[in-house]
Amino acid sequence: MSEDKNFELALDKAKELESFDFTNGEEFNVQEYYSALEKIAKKNQNLKNEEAESIVDLQASELIDGSFIEELKVKRLTVENFIRKYDPNKPETQQLEIQDVDKLYAVSNYLLNSYIQYVNEMRFIFVLTKDEFKFLNKILLGEIGYNGDEVFNYAELYQGFWEGVQEKVDADKSAEVFSFTVDIKMLLILHHLIKDHKVKGRTLDFKFFQNVLYKIAKINKLFNAYNIIIDRIKSDRELWGAGLDEIMKSKDPEYMAQVAQEAQEKYDAEHGVQTTEILDVTDADLGK
């Protein structure tokens, strides 16, 4: 049966679940419905991952410095290749000692955290026309009302980004378009400060406002795509870690003894074997 057909059956099963009558005593197969929901969740997650990869492929070169993109690729591949190198199914991995497995955990933590930190420090290319800059500068300095919290938000935005924007524009009065680098935090603060601003009618200000919001949203979408990829790598690493846990358990004598005992008890119970306790025989038992 094709994958598409399997997915269609899972969708039908989920639809059936939505109207299942739990009051008429009809038998309910939990596993059957759960399996259908699992298939749907997996398909949706795969589509989400594919969309994130597509966004990165199409937009990263436009919105991120080229050298940064290459470094991101290197850090990501390093994490993924490390997990592949020490696949728990490989004989050489299964032969590792417990202390060596602990070291693999530590290395994987470092590599993954290094990649995540680099993504969070990513600086995006943010382009504004002269008119868009004038519009933003006008509303930030003269039209937005700031409460106690937002005063500090604006101060952080000014020191971390907007001061440099003003200086760059002032230094080149003849330019019509300006390109800046900015981290995601500054863009989110900017969006937070301007999102409730109102413009009247479909004026030029409406156009500038729409353009700025679109540019912020586009960068934010790219940043979110990188985080979806991070979540996928985290999930892969969790499965990898579970495999390593099984290796560690197999090298723990107490754990293996417990497993053997539980297996024996299960066998005895299934086959009706009664375990008779063997007592020590003393001299008195032998009439001595």
Protein backbone atom coordinates (compact mmCIF):
# COMPACT_ATOMS: atom_id res chain seq x y z
CA MET A 1 0.00 0.00 0.00
CA SER A 2 1.37 3.41 -0.97
CA GLU A 3 2.36 6.01 1.59
CA ASP A 4 -0.34 8.37 0.31
CA LYS A 5 -3.00 5.69 0.68
CA ASN A 6 -1.82 4.94 4.23
CA PHE A 7 -2.06 8.62 5.08
CA GLU A 8 -5.56 8.86 3.60
CA LEU A 9 -6.66 5.92 5.76
CA ALA A 10 -5.16 7.63 8.81
CA LEU A 11 -7.11 10.81 8.00
CA ASP A 12 -10.30 8.80 7.65
CA LYS A 13 -9.65 7.14 11.00
CA ALA A 14 -9.08 10.53 12.66
CA LYS A 15 -12.32 11.83 11.16
CA GLU A 16 -14.11 8.76 12.47
CA LEU A 17 -12.65 9.41 15.93
CA GLU A 18 -14.09 12.94 16.00
CA SER A 19 -17.65 11.55 16.03
CA PHE A 20 -17.09 8.28 17.88
CA ASP A 21 -19.91 7.52 20.33
CA PHE A 22 -18.29 6.58 23.62
CA THR A 23 -21.68 6.12 25.35
CA ASN A 24 -23.15 3.17 23.41
CA GLY A 25 -20.78 0.52 24.71
CA GLU A 26 -19.14 -0.02 21.32
CA GLU A 27 -15.60 -1.42 21.58
CA PHE A 28 -12.94 1.27 21.18
CA ASN A 29 -9.52 0.22 19.88
CA VAL A 30 -7.19 2.81 21.42
CA GLN A 31 -4.08 1.55 19.62
CA GLU A 32 -5.75 1.68 16.21
CA TYR A 33 -6.78 5.31 16.56
CA TYR A 34 -3.53 6.29 18.25
CA SER A 35 -1.54 4.81 15.34
CA ALA A 36 -3.60 6.89 12.90
CA LEU A 37 -2.92 10.06 14.87
CA GLU A 38 0.78 9.20 14.99
CA LYS A 39 0.89 8.89 11.19
CA ILE A 40 -0.80 12.28 10.80
CA ALA A 41 1.52 13.97 13.30
CA LYS A 42 4.59 12.49 11.60
CA LYS A 43 3.39 13.59 8.16
CA ASN A 44 2.68 17.11 9.39
CA GLN A 45 6.07 17.33 11.07
CA ASN A 46 7.80 16.16 7.90
CA LEU A 47 5.96 18.82 5.88
CA LYS A 48 6.92 21.44 8.46
CA ASN A 49 10.57 20.39 8.24
CA GLU A 50 10.50 20.42 4.43
CA GLU A 51 8.99 23.90 4.42
CA ALA A 52 11.66 25.16 6.84
CA GLU A 53 14.45 23.72 4.67
CA SER A 54 12.88 25.35 1.60
CA ILE A 55 12.67 28.76 3.31
CA VAL A 56 16.34 28.56 4.29
CA ASP A 57 17.39 27.49 0.78
CA LEU A 58 15.42 30.28 -0.91
CA GLN A 59 15.85 33.21 1.47
CA ALA A 60 19.07 32.78 3.47
CA SER A 61 21.30 34.12 0.70
CA GLU A 62 19.16 37.26 0.47
CA LEU A 63 18.80 37.97 4.17
CA ILE A 64 22.01 36.66 5.77
CA ASP A 65 25.67 37.35 5.08
CA GLY A 66 27.20 34.60 2.93
CA SER A 67 30.06 33.75 5.31
CA PHE A 68 27.57 33.33 8.15
CA ILE A 69 25.46 30.93 6.06
CA GLU A 70 28.49 28.74 5.38
CA GLU A 71 29.44 28.67 9.06
CA LEU A 72 25.87 27.67 9.94
CA LYS A 73 26.06 24.79 7.45
CA VAL A 74 29.37 23.63 8.88
CA LYS A 75 28.11 23.68 12.49
CA ARG A 76 24.90 21.87 11.58
CA LEU A 77 26.70 19.16 9.59
CA THR A 78 29.18 18.68 12.43
CA VAL A 79 26.33 17.84 14.83
CA GLU A 80 24.60 15.54 12.34
CA ASN A 81 27.81 13.77 11.26
CA PHE A 82 28.86 13.22 14.88
CA ILE A 83 25.57 11.43 15.58
CA ARG A 84 25.96 9.34 12.42
CA LYS A 85 29.57 8.45 13.28
CA TYR A 86 28.53 7.07 16.67
CA ASP A 87 25.31 5.39 15.55
CA PRO A 88 24.20 3.10 18.43
CA ASN A 89 23.54 0.33 15.90
CA LYS A 90 27.20 0.19 14.84
CA PRO A 91 29.26 -2.58 16.48
CA GLU A 92 32.11 -0.18 17.28
CA THR A 93 29.70 2.08 19.21
CA GLN A 94 28.20 -0.86 21.10
CA GLN A 95 31.68 -1.90 22.23
CA LEU A 96 32.35 1.43 23.97
CA GLU A 97 32.78 1.51 27.72
CA ILE A 98 30.32 3.40 29.91
CA GLN A 99 32.76 6.25 30.54
CA ASP A 100 33.28 6.65 26.79
CA VAL A 101 29.53 6.87 26.21
CA ASP A 102 29.36 9.64 28.82
CA LYS A 103 32.00 11.52 26.83
CA LEU A 104 29.89 11.19 23.66
CA TYR A 105 27.00 12.86 25.47
CA ALA A 106 29.25 15.73 26.53
CA VAL A 107 30.63 16.27 23.02
CA SER A 108 27.16 16.16 21.43
CA ASN A 109 25.88 18.70 23.98
CA TYR A 110 28.71 21.07 23.14
CA LEU A 111 28.25 20.76 19.38
CA LEU A 112 24.47 21.22 19.52
CA ASN A 113 24.65 24.19 21.90
CA SER A 114 27.32 25.80 19.73
CA TYR A 115 25.03 25.56 16.71
CA ILE A 116 22.02 26.92 18.62
CA GLN A 117 24.05 29.84 19.99
CA TYR A 118 25.29 30.69 16.50
CA VAL A 119 21.72 30.73 15.17
CA ASN A 120 20.65 33.03 18.01
CA GLU A 121 23.55 35.38 17.24
CA MET A 122 22.68 35.50 13.54
CA ARG A 123 22.72 38.97 11.99
CA PHE A 124 20.27 39.65 9.21
CA ILE A 125 20.43 42.05 6.27
CA PHE A 126 17.71 44.66 6.75
CA VAL A 127 17.15 47.02 3.84
CA LEU A 128 15.29 50.34 4.11
CA THR A 129 14.62 52.96 1.49
CA LYS A 130 15.21 56.56 2.48
CA ASP A 131 11.44 57.12 2.70
CA GLU A 132 10.94 54.02 4.87
CA PHE A 133 13.68 55.23 7.20
CA LYS A 134 12.06 58.68 7.44
CA PHE A 135 8.71 57.08 8.22
CA LEU A 136 10.16 54.86 10.96
CA ASN A 137 12.23 57.66 12.43
CA LYS A 138 9.18 59.93 12.49
CA ILE A 139 6.94 57.51 14.36
CA LEU A 140 9.68 56.28 16.73
CA LEU A 141 10.68 59.81 17.73
CA GLY A 142 7.44 61.75 17.46
CA GLU A 143 4.27 59.68 17.22
CA ILE A 144 4.53 56.59 19.42
CA GLY A 145 3.57 56.86 23.08
CA TYR A 146 5.94 55.00 25.41
CA ASN A 147 4.90 53.53 28.75
CA GLY A 148 7.33 52.67 31.53
CA ASP A 149 8.40 49.36 29.99
CA GLU A 150 8.58 50.59 26.41
CA VAL A 151 10.86 53.49 27.35
CA PHE A 152 13.51 50.89 28.14
CA ASN A 153 12.66 48.90 25.00
CA TYR A 154 13.28 51.99 22.89
CA ALA A 155 16.53 52.73 24.76
CA GLU A 156 17.75 49.19 24.00
CA LEU A 157 16.69 49.50 20.35
CA TYR A 158 18.42 52.86 20.01
CA GLN A 159 21.68 51.72 21.55
CA GLY A 160 21.70 48.34 19.82
CA PHE A 161 20.50 49.35 16.36
CA TRP A 162 18.70 52.60 15.62
CA GLU A 163 21.57 54.95 16.55
CA GLY A 164 23.73 53.22 13.94
CA VAL A 165 20.92 53.47 11.39
CA GLN A 166 20.64 57.22 11.90
CA GLU A 167 24.40 57.68 11.63
CA LYS A 168 24.59 55.70 8.39
CA VAL A 169 21.73 57.66 6.79
CA ASP A 170 23.18 61.00 7.91
CA ALA A 171 26.56 60.06 6.46
CA ASP A 172 25.15 59.57 2.93
CA LYS A 173 22.37 62.03 2.18
CA SER A 174 22.29 61.12 -1.52
CA ALA A 175 21.58 57.40 -1.13
CA GLU A 176 18.05 56.15 -1.78
CA VAL A 177 18.48 52.68 -0.24
CA PHE A 178 20.37 51.62 2.89
CA SER A 179 21.41 48.15 4.01
CA PHE A 180 21.97 47.33 7.70
CA THR A 181 22.85 44.22 9.70
CA VAL A 182 20.71 43.52 12.73
CA ASP A 183 20.07 40.64 15.14
CA ILE A 184 16.63 39.13 15.68
CA LYS A 185 16.19 40.70 19.12
CA MET A 186 16.45 44.25 17.76
CA LEU A 187 13.94 43.46 15.01
CA LEU A 188 11.49 41.98 17.51
CA ILE A 189 11.79 45.08 19.72
CA LEU A 190 11.23 47.30 16.67
CA HIS A 191 8.15 45.30 15.72
CA HIS A 192 6.83 45.42 19.27
CA LEU A 193 7.15 49.22 19.39
CA ILE A 194 5.52 49.95 16.02
CA LYS A 195 2.91 47.19 15.62
CA ASP A 196 0.09 49.13 17.33
CA HIS A 197 0.79 52.36 15.44
CA LYS A 198 -2.05 53.49 13.20
CA VAL A 199 -1.96 55.26 9.85
CA LYS A 200 -5.05 56.86 8.35
CA GLY A 201 -6.11 55.77 4.89
CA ARG A 202 -4.04 54.28 2.09
CA THR A 203 -1.47 57.04 2.06
CA LEU A 204 2.27 56.84 1.42
CA ASP A 205 2.67 56.23 5.14
CA PHE A 206 0.41 53.18 4.76
CA LYS A 207 2.72 51.87 2.02
CA PHE A 208 5.90 52.50 4.05
CA PHE A 209 4.36 50.89 7.14
CA GLN A 210 3.27 47.83 5.14
CA ASN A 211 6.73 47.46 3.57
CA VAL A 212 8.55 47.66 6.90
CA LEU A 213 6.24 45.14 8.58
CA TYR A 214 6.63 42.77 5.63
CA LYS A 215 10.43 42.96 5.80
CA ILE A 216 10.44 42.25 9.54
CA ALA A 217 8.01 39.34 9.08
CA LYS A 218 10.14 37.85 6.29
CA ILE A 219 13.26 37.85 8.46
CA ASN A 220 11.34 36.47 11.42
CA LYS A 221 10.00 33.65 9.23
CA LEU A 222 13.56 32.75 8.22
CA PHE A 223 14.72 32.79 11.84
CA ASN A 224 11.78 30.52 12.78
CA ALA A 225 12.74 28.15 9.95
CA TYR A 226 16.22 27.75 11.46
CA ASN A 227 14.61 26.99 14.82
CA ILE A 228 12.39 24.32 13.26
CA ILE A 229 15.57 22.72 11.91
CA ILE A 230 17.11 22.94 15.39
CA ASP A 231 14.05 21.17 16.86
CA ARG A 232 14.43 18.39 14.29
CA ILE A 233 18.11 17.95 15.16
CA LYS A 234 17.22 17.89 18.87
CA SER A 235 14.67 15.16 18.18
CA ASP A 236 17.22 13.12 16.24
CA ARG A 237 19.71 13.53 19.06
CA GLU A 238 17.15 12.39 21.63
CA LEU A 239 16.63 9.16 19.67
CA TRP A 240 20.40 8.80 19.40
CA GLY A 241 20.72 9.34 23.15
CA ALA A 242 18.07 6.70 23.86
CA GLY A 243 20.12 4.25 21.81
CA LEU A 244 23.24 5.09 23.83
CA ASP A 245 21.25 4.58 27.05
CA GLU A 246 20.54 1.01 25.98
CA ILE A 247 24.25 0.46 25.44
CA MET A 248 25.04 1.79 28.91
CA LYS A 249 22.37 -0.42 30.49
CA SER A 250 23.82 -3.48 28.76
CA LYS A 251 27.17 -2.78 30.43
CA ASP A 252 25.65 -2.42 33.91
CA PRO A 253 25.77 -5.84 35.69
CA GLU A 254 23.04 -4.95 38.19
CA TYR A 255 20.72 -3.77 35.44
CA MET A 256 21.36 -6.87 33.33
CA ALA A 257 20.74 -9.12 36.36
CA GLN A 258 17.44 -7.35 36.95
CA VAL A 259 16.46 -7.77 33.30
CA ALA A 260 17.31 -11.48 33.45
CA GLN A 261 15.29 -11.93 36.64
CA GLU A 262 12.27 -10.12 35.20
CA ALA A 263 12.49 -12.23 32.02
CA GLN A 264 12.62 -15.44 34.08
CA GLU A 265 9.68 -14.38 36.24
CA LYS A 266 7.67 -13.52 33.11
CA TYR A 267 8.49 -16.93 31.60
CA ASP A 268 7.55 -18.74 34.82
CA ALA A 269 4.25 -16.86 35.04
CA GLU A 270 3.36 -17.56 31.41
CA HIS A 271 4.24 -21.27 31.67
CA GLY A 272 2.86 -21.95 35.15
CA VAL A 273 6.25 -22.62 36.69
CA GLN A 274 6.25 -22.38 40.48
CA THR A 275 9.47 -21.29 42.06
CA THR A 276 10.36 -23.27 45.20
CA GLU A 277 12.66 -21.58 47.66
CA ILE A 278 15.74 -23.72 48.47
CA LEU A 279 16.60 -23.66 52.15
CA ASP A 280 19.97 -24.31 53.68
CA VAL A 281 20.30 -27.86 55.12
CA THR A 282 21.65 -27.88 58.66
CA ASP A 283 23.11 -30.72 60.77
CA ALA A 284 19.87 -30.77 62.80
CA ASP A 285 17.89 -31.42 59.61
CA LEU A 286 20.07 -34.49 59.03
CA GLY A 287 19.57 -35.76 62.62
CA LYS A 288 23.12 -35.04 63.66
